[in-house]
């Protein structure tokens, strides 16, 4: 069984560890009710940009505790080893503020010094850490799976380039699809929204650029935006303000929702739907930048999905995702410095050519990597409810069904010598590639193994694994270099880590974007500049 690598686990700071007294909800509530909160919310807007172990914040907290006469050797030791900043505590404190604070107090300053303000907020985080996990009916495995999923943040530039290419280019190219399956999502999008899909992408990209380009190491200045000023003198002045308002929530929007969800430590649904807080008519800022970044990736999929009443759209949206993976795989093989890889295109076989080969196949000697690509993702219900049955359904559609499909087709192809290119294959490695993924731990991994018993017992199949699209991109980068991915994958199968990204990081393999992705990122930024009315072009991007 694949075990969780403890070196990749970071533990939240808790009040009980610091002082031997468990933090309680009433104490958090009392710190917020009828208290000035302006400085607190502006600090929260800044803390999200800092590293979870930020040394300056830790030093500030130690100084704060010393000043209060609360610093002990035990507390200092705990602070040194614990995660002091994390999205779950930051977002939970936001919920407490909206649930128990008042709009009037959100505009009043506490006049605390910067250090005292940081210290008081970190103490609230520690108390929140004690209150997060109250549902003893949830197993440790489920909580770990939810935690890993929540804290796995995609690389924003890769997500931007990938999503822009899939939705604006591949999905719009009617020549790639047969007439029965093609859906003109761009035209449908423009009929239902007062802006085009390209304009929407450009506005989100410009917002992400605004917040990411800010000095994240400075805790002295909040990162705020006035949409009217920000989009003034651009071609998207009116549209930009509309989109910002669509993505924003007010205090009154949040109050009722926060009261209803305060006891669900995983429900941040309002912040995910509307990641910007409208503090005033002139002042907006994100409560969680990854939720804003997600608007051009996962959330955009659902924005398109909701335009249609039937499931036909799901089949179509899978096609450009598959095309993207195939194009990336082929270019990586063509660029490979190893020189012996061979890319095998998807083909039809069987009676009347009624069956299809796996989406992507890459051959090296007598070894074959088979990739079954599915535009599938973890459902919100799995994450919010933490229900074992629901989570297993996600494992089935992401980890099991694609592997079974690939196993069946590649076995038929090799046994019946349908393709001359595959006659010499002796070892097959199966990868299901999905948009994101759940980590399989403990009984959930056993569930997957039991369902794939026939695959595990096959002499032909050397292993199988689920990769999210970022991990597939990392694998393609390695293919483009002078490396045998099969040696790397064999080592990964024997390694007690829980994800391919973790494995590459621990083994010091290069974690870079393929040139294919960089080109798409530059195109996305060029499209944004053009939509805004600029004649500039992006010259380069950092890896």
Foldseek 3Di string as FASTA:
>chain_A
DFFADCVPDAAAAAPCQQQVDAQDPVVLLVVQAPAQCQVVLLLLLQLLLDDQLDPVLLVLQQVLCVVVVRDDPRNNVSNNRHRQDDLLLSLLSVLSNLARHDLVSNPDDNPDDPSNSSNVSSNSSNNVSSQQDDPPVFDPQLVVLLVVQVPDFDDLLLQLLLLCCLPVPLLCPPVVDDPVQRDNLQVLVVVVDVDTPLQLSLLLVVVLCQVVVDDSVDSPGRRKAFLQVVLPPFLCNPVSVVSLVQLEDESVRSHVVSNVCSNQSQDPPNCLRRQWYPSDNGIIGGSHSSSSSCCSHPVVVVVSVVSDDDCSVQVSSFVSQLVSLAVLLVVLLVLAPQVQKDKDAKAFDDDVSPDIAASTWIDGQQEIEGEHEHADDQDPCCNRVSDPVSQLVQCCVQVAVSQVSNVVRVVVCQVVVVDVVNVSHQAYEYEYEYQQDGFQDDVSVVVRCVSCVVLVPDSRYPYYYYAYVLLSQQLSNQSSYNDDVVVVVVVVVVDSHGHSVVSCVVVVNDRDGPVVSQVSSQVSNQSSCVNRPHPDGDDGDDD
